Amino acid sequence: MITRVESGKTETLTYDIVDQLRTPDEIAAYLDAWFSDAPEDVAGIARALGDVARAKGMAKVAREAGLSRESLYRSLSQDGNPSLATFLKVAKALGVRLHVEPV
């Protein structure tokens, strides 16, 4: 939620990161930020992957990853814990690839 005050009136707006994930560069930067800033936050990274999947269309991503839509929602939810295989299938369906470098 974002609160905006104009002319003495307060307005609360809903913010959804999905609205900002329009291009491959924006998607890559978003996921890279999660891996860089919170590498141990598995739930957060899965949720970020879910954000990107929502931006691309969950049904389309599920189909391209060879998963059911319900399974994809469950895996990438707040309580989800996707397997590495699921993660890699979804990343490929989203058109992104993981990059590894020394720390």
N, C-alpha and C. Protein backbone atom coordinates (compact mmCIF):
# COMPACT_ATOMS: atom_id res chain seq x y z
N MET A 1 0.83 -1.18 0.00
CA MET A 1 0.00 0.00 0.00
C MET A 1 0.88 1.25 0.00
N ILE A 2 0.45 2.21 -0.72
CA ILE A 2 1.13 3.49 -0.78
C ILE A 2 0.11 4.55 -0.38
N THR A 3 0.53 5.46 0.48
CA THR A 3 -0.35 6.55 0.89
C THR A 3 0.13 7.82 0.21
N ARG A 4 -0.78 8.50 -0.42
CA ARG A 4 -0.47 9.75 -1.11
C ARG A 4 -1.37 10.83 -0.54
N VAL A 5 -0.77 11.99 -0.25
CA VAL A 5 -1.54 13.11 0.29
C VAL A 5 -1.47 14.24 -0.73
N GLU A 6 -2.65 14.66 -1.19
CA GLU A 6 -2.76 15.78 -2.12
C GLU A 6 -3.88 16.69 -1.66
N SER A 7 -3.61 17.95 -1.65
CA SER A 7 -4.62 18.96 -1.31
C SER A 7 -5.35 18.61 -0.01
N GLY A 8 -4.61 18.12 0.97
CA GLY A 8 -5.20 17.81 2.26
C GLY A 8 -5.97 16.50 2.31
N LYS A 9 -6.05 15.78 1.20
CA LYS A 9 -6.76 14.50 1.17
C LYS A 9 -5.74 13.37 1.14
N THR A 10 -6.00 12.34 1.92
CA THR A 10 -5.14 11.16 1.94
C THR A 10 -5.78 10.08 1.10
N GLU A 11 -5.00 9.52 0.22
CA GLU A 11 -5.48 8.45 -0.65
C GLU A 11 -4.53 7.27 -0.52
N THR A 12 -5.06 6.09 -0.32
CA THR A 12 -4.25 4.88 -0.24
C THR A 12 -4.36 4.14 -1.55
N LEU A 13 -3.22 3.85 -2.13
CA LEU A 13 -3.17 3.15 -3.41
C LEU A 13 -2.56 1.77 -3.20
N THR A 14 -3.01 0.82 -3.97
CA THR A 14 -2.43 -0.51 -3.92
C THR A 14 -1.24 -0.56 -4.87
N TYR A 15 -0.13 -1.09 -4.38
CA TYR A 15 1.06 -1.22 -5.21
C TYR A 15 1.31 -2.71 -5.45
N ASP A 16 1.54 -3.08 -6.67
CA ASP A 16 1.86 -4.45 -7.01
C ASP A 16 3.09 -4.43 -7.90
N ILE A 17 4.15 -5.08 -7.46
CA ILE A 17 5.41 -5.11 -8.22
C ILE A 17 5.21 -5.65 -9.63
N VAL A 18 4.20 -6.47 -9.81
CA VAL A 18 3.92 -7.05 -11.12
C VAL A 18 3.78 -5.96 -12.19
N ASP A 19 3.25 -4.81 -11.80
CA ASP A 19 3.08 -3.71 -12.75
C ASP A 19 4.41 -3.14 -13.24
N GLN A 20 5.49 -3.44 -12.52
CA GLN A 20 6.82 -2.93 -12.89
C GLN A 20 7.65 -3.95 -13.64
N LEU A 21 7.14 -5.16 -13.83
CA LEU A 21 7.90 -6.24 -14.46
C LEU A 21 7.43 -6.42 -15.91
N ARG A 22 7.81 -5.45 -16.75
CA ARG A 22 7.31 -5.44 -18.12
C ARG A 22 8.32 -5.95 -19.14
N THR A 23 9.59 -5.76 -18.88
CA THR A 23 10.61 -6.12 -19.87
C THR A 23 11.55 -7.19 -19.29
N PRO A 24 12.26 -7.91 -20.16
CA PRO A 24 13.23 -8.89 -19.66
C PRO A 24 14.29 -8.26 -18.75
N ASP A 25 14.70 -7.03 -19.04
CA ASP A 25 15.69 -6.35 -18.20
C ASP A 25 15.12 -6.06 -16.80
N GLU A 26 13.86 -5.62 -16.74
CA GLU A 26 13.23 -5.35 -15.44
C GLU A 26 13.07 -6.64 -14.64
N ILE A 27 12.71 -7.71 -15.32
CA ILE A 27 12.54 -9.01 -14.65
C ILE A 27 13.88 -9.50 -14.13
N ALA A 28 14.91 -9.44 -14.95
CA ALA A 28 16.23 -9.89 -14.54
C ALA A 28 16.76 -9.06 -13.37
N ALA A 29 16.57 -7.76 -13.41
CA ALA A 29 17.04 -6.89 -12.32
C ALA A 29 16.32 -7.21 -11.02
N TYR A 30 15.02 -7.46 -11.09
CA TYR A 30 14.23 -7.78 -9.91
C TYR A 30 14.70 -9.09 -9.27
N LEU A 31 14.84 -10.13 -10.09
CA LEU A 31 15.30 -11.41 -9.54
C LEU A 31 16.73 -11.32 -9.05
N ASP A 32 17.57 -10.61 -9.78
CA ASP A 32 18.97 -10.46 -9.36
C ASP A 32 19.06 -9.73 -8.02
N ALA A 33 18.20 -8.75 -7.80
CA ALA A 33 18.20 -8.04 -6.52
C ALA A 33 17.87 -8.99 -5.38
N TRP A 34 16.91 -9.89 -5.59
CA TRP A 34 16.58 -10.87 -4.55
C TRP A 34 17.76 -11.78 -4.26
N PHE A 35 18.41 -12.28 -5.30
CA PHE A 35 19.55 -13.16 -5.09
C PHE A 35 20.72 -12.43 -4.44
N SER A 36 20.90 -11.17 -4.77
CA SER A 36 22.01 -10.40 -4.20
C SER A 36 21.73 -9.95 -2.77
N ASP A 37 20.52 -9.46 -2.53
CA ASP A 37 20.20 -8.85 -1.24
C ASP A 37 19.72 -9.84 -0.19
N ALA A 38 19.13 -10.95 -0.61
CA ALA A 38 18.56 -11.91 0.35
C ALA A 38 18.79 -13.34 -0.12
N PRO A 39 20.06 -13.74 -0.31
CA PRO A 39 20.33 -15.05 -0.90
C PRO A 39 19.84 -16.24 -0.08
N GLU A 40 19.64 -16.06 1.20
CA GLU A 40 19.16 -17.18 2.03
C GLU A 40 17.65 -17.17 2.22
N ASP A 41 16.97 -16.18 1.70
CA ASP A 41 15.52 -16.07 1.86
C ASP A 41 14.82 -16.86 0.76
N VAL A 42 14.76 -18.18 0.96
CA VAL A 42 14.18 -19.06 -0.05
C VAL A 42 12.73 -18.70 -0.33
N ALA A 43 11.96 -18.42 0.71
CA ALA A 43 10.55 -18.07 0.53
C ALA A 43 10.42 -16.76 -0.25
N GLY A 44 11.28 -15.79 0.04
CA GLY A 44 11.24 -14.52 -0.67
C GLY A 44 11.60 -14.66 -2.14
N ILE A 45 12.61 -15.48 -2.42
CA ILE A 45 13.03 -15.70 -3.80
C ILE A 45 11.94 -16.45 -4.56
N ALA A 46 11.32 -17.43 -3.92
CA ALA A 46 10.22 -18.15 -4.57
C ALA A 46 9.05 -17.20 -4.83
N ARG A 47 8.77 -16.32 -3.88
CA ARG A 47 7.69 -15.34 -4.05
C ARG A 47 8.03 -14.38 -5.20
N ALA A 48 9.31 -13.98 -5.30
CA ALA A 48 9.74 -13.10 -6.39
C ALA A 48 9.56 -13.80 -7.73
N LEU A 49 9.90 -15.07 -7.79
CA LEU A 49 9.68 -15.83 -9.02
C LEU A 49 8.19 -15.90 -9.33
N GLY A 50 7.38 -16.02 -8.29
CA GLY A 50 5.93 -16.00 -8.46
C GLY A 50 5.43 -14.65 -8.97
N ASP A 51 6.04 -13.56 -8.50
CA ASP A 51 5.67 -12.23 -9.00
C ASP A 51 5.91 -12.15 -10.51
N VAL A 52 7.06 -12.66 -10.92
CA VAL A 52 7.39 -12.62 -12.35
C VAL A 52 6.43 -13.51 -13.14
N ALA A 53 6.11 -14.68 -12.58
CA ALA A 53 5.16 -15.58 -13.25
C ALA A 53 3.79 -14.91 -13.39
N ARG A 54 3.36 -14.17 -12.36
CA ARG A 54 2.08 -13.44 -12.45
C ARG A 54 2.15 -12.38 -13.54
N ALA A 55 3.31 -11.71 -13.64
CA ALA A 55 3.47 -10.67 -14.66
C ALA A 55 3.39 -11.27 -16.06
N LYS A 56 3.91 -12.45 -16.24
CA LYS A 56 3.91 -13.11 -17.54
C LYS A 56 2.61 -13.85 -17.83
N GLY A 57 1.86 -14.15 -16.78
CA GLY A 57 0.64 -14.94 -16.93
C GLY A 57 0.87 -16.33 -16.36
N MET A 58 0.29 -16.58 -15.20
CA MET A 58 0.55 -17.82 -14.48
C MET A 58 0.20 -19.06 -15.30
N ALA A 59 -0.92 -19.04 -16.00
CA ALA A 59 -1.32 -20.21 -16.79
C ALA A 59 -0.31 -20.48 -17.91
N LYS A 60 0.14 -19.42 -18.57
CA LYS A 60 1.12 -19.56 -19.65
C LYS A 60 2.44 -20.11 -19.12
N VAL A 61 2.91 -19.58 -18.01
CA VAL A 61 4.17 -20.04 -17.42
C VAL A 61 4.05 -21.50 -16.99
N ALA A 62 2.93 -21.85 -16.36
CA ALA A 62 2.72 -23.23 -15.91
C ALA A 62 2.77 -24.17 -17.12
N ARG A 63 2.09 -23.81 -18.18
CA ARG A 63 2.06 -24.64 -19.38
C ARG A 63 3.46 -24.81 -19.96
N GLU A 64 4.20 -23.71 -20.06
CA GLU A 64 5.55 -23.78 -20.63
C GLU A 64 6.53 -24.52 -19.73
N ALA A 65 6.27 -24.53 -18.43
CA ALA A 65 7.13 -25.23 -17.48
C ALA A 65 6.72 -26.69 -17.32
N GLY A 66 5.57 -27.06 -17.89
CA GLY A 66 5.10 -28.43 -17.77
C GLY A 66 4.51 -28.74 -16.40
N LEU A 67 3.91 -27.73 -15.78
CA LEU A 67 3.32 -27.87 -14.45
C LEU A 67 1.86 -27.48 -14.50
N SER A 68 1.09 -27.94 -13.53
CA SER A 68 -0.29 -27.46 -13.44
C SER A 68 -0.27 -26.06 -12.84
N ARG A 69 -1.26 -25.26 -13.18
CA ARG A 69 -1.34 -23.90 -12.65
C ARG A 69 -1.43 -23.93 -11.13
N GLU A 70 -2.21 -24.86 -10.59
CA GLU A 70 -2.38 -24.98 -9.14
C GLU A 70 -1.06 -25.31 -8.46
N SER A 71 -0.31 -26.23 -9.07
CA SER A 71 0.99 -26.62 -8.52
C SER A 71 1.95 -25.43 -8.54
N LEU A 72 1.91 -24.66 -9.60
CA LEU A 72 2.78 -23.49 -9.71
C LEU A 72 2.42 -22.46 -8.64
N TYR A 73 1.13 -22.16 -8.48
CA TYR A 73 0.70 -21.23 -7.44
C TYR A 73 1.17 -21.70 -6.07
N ARG A 74 0.99 -22.97 -5.80
CA ARG A 74 1.36 -23.53 -4.49
C ARG A 74 2.87 -23.44 -4.26
N SER A 75 3.65 -23.81 -5.28
CA SER A 75 5.10 -23.80 -5.15
C SER A 75 5.66 -22.40 -4.94
N LEU A 76 5.04 -21.41 -5.58
CA LEU A 76 5.58 -20.05 -5.53
C LEU A 76 4.83 -19.15 -4.56
N SER A 77 4.04 -19.74 -3.67
CA SER A 77 3.30 -18.96 -2.69
C SER A 77 4.19 -18.61 -1.50
N GLN A 78 3.65 -17.84 -0.57
CA GLN A 78 4.35 -17.45 0.65
C GLN A 78 4.88 -18.67 1.41
N ASP A 79 4.09 -19.72 1.46
CA ASP A 79 4.48 -20.93 2.19
C ASP A 79 5.08 -22.00 1.29
N GLY A 80 5.21 -21.71 0.02
CA GLY A 80 5.72 -22.68 -0.93
C GLY A 80 7.21 -22.93 -0.74
N ASN A 81 7.65 -24.06 -1.21
CA ASN A 81 9.06 -24.42 -1.15
C ASN A 81 9.37 -25.21 -2.41
N PRO A 82 9.53 -24.53 -3.55
CA PRO A 82 9.70 -25.24 -4.80
C PRO A 82 11.01 -26.03 -4.83
N SER A 83 10.95 -27.18 -5.47
CA SER A 83 12.17 -27.96 -5.65
C SER A 83 13.07 -27.21 -6.64
N LEU A 84 14.32 -27.60 -6.67
CA LEU A 84 15.23 -26.98 -7.63
C LEU A 84 14.76 -27.26 -9.05
N ALA A 85 14.25 -28.46 -9.30
CA ALA A 85 13.74 -28.81 -10.63
C ALA A 85 12.61 -27.88 -11.03
N THR A 86 11.67 -27.63 -10.12
CA THR A 86 10.56 -26.72 -10.40
C THR A 86 11.08 -25.32 -10.65
N PHE A 87 11.99 -24.87 -9.81
CA PHE A 87 12.57 -23.54 -9.94
C PHE A 87 13.21 -23.37 -11.32
N LEU A 88 14.00 -24.36 -11.75
CA LEU A 88 14.67 -24.25 -13.04
C LEU A 88 13.70 -24.31 -14.21
N LYS A 89 12.65 -25.12 -14.10
CA LYS A 89 11.63 -25.17 -15.15
C LYS A 89 10.92 -23.82 -15.28
N VAL A 90 10.59 -23.23 -14.15
CA VAL A 90 9.90 -21.93 -14.17
C VAL A 90 10.83 -20.85 -14.71
N ALA A 91 12.08 -20.85 -14.28
CA ALA A 91 13.04 -19.85 -14.78
C ALA A 91 13.15 -19.95 -16.30
N LYS A 92 13.25 -21.16 -16.81
CA LYS A 92 13.35 -21.34 -18.27
C LYS A 92 12.07 -20.84 -18.95
N ALA A 93 10.91 -21.16 -18.38
CA ALA A 93 9.64 -20.70 -18.96
C ALA A 93 9.54 -19.18 -18.95
N LEU A 94 10.20 -18.54 -17.99
CA LEU A 94 10.18 -17.08 -17.89
C LEU A 94 11.23 -16.43 -18.78
N GLY A 95 12.10 -17.25 -19.36
CA GLY A 95 13.13 -16.70 -20.24
C GLY A 95 14.33 -16.13 -19.49
N VAL A 96 14.57 -16.61 -18.28
CA VAL A 96 15.74 -16.16 -17.53
C VAL A 96 16.61 -17.37 -17.20
N ARG A 97 17.86 -17.09 -16.94
CA ARG A 97 18.79 -18.15 -16.57
C ARG A 97 19.57 -17.71 -15.36
N LEU A 98 19.91 -18.67 -14.53
CA LEU A 98 20.68 -18.37 -13.33
C LEU A 98 22.14 -18.19 -13.70
N HIS A 99 22.79 -17.32 -12.98
CA HIS A 99 24.21 -17.04 -13.21
C HIS A 99 24.92 -17.20 -11.88
N VAL A 100 26.05 -17.88 -11.90
CA VAL A 100 26.80 -18.11 -10.68
C VAL A 100 28.14 -17.41 -10.80
N GLU A 101 28.53 -16.75 -9.70
CA GLU A 101 29.85 -16.11 -9.67
C GLU A 101 30.41 -16.25 -8.26
N PRO A 102 31.70 -16.18 -8.10
CA PRO A 102 32.29 -16.31 -6.77
C PRO A 102 31.93 -15.11 -5.89
N VAL A 103 31.83 -15.36 -4.60
CA VAL A 103 31.52 -14.27 -3.66
C VAL A 103 32.78 -13.70 -3.07
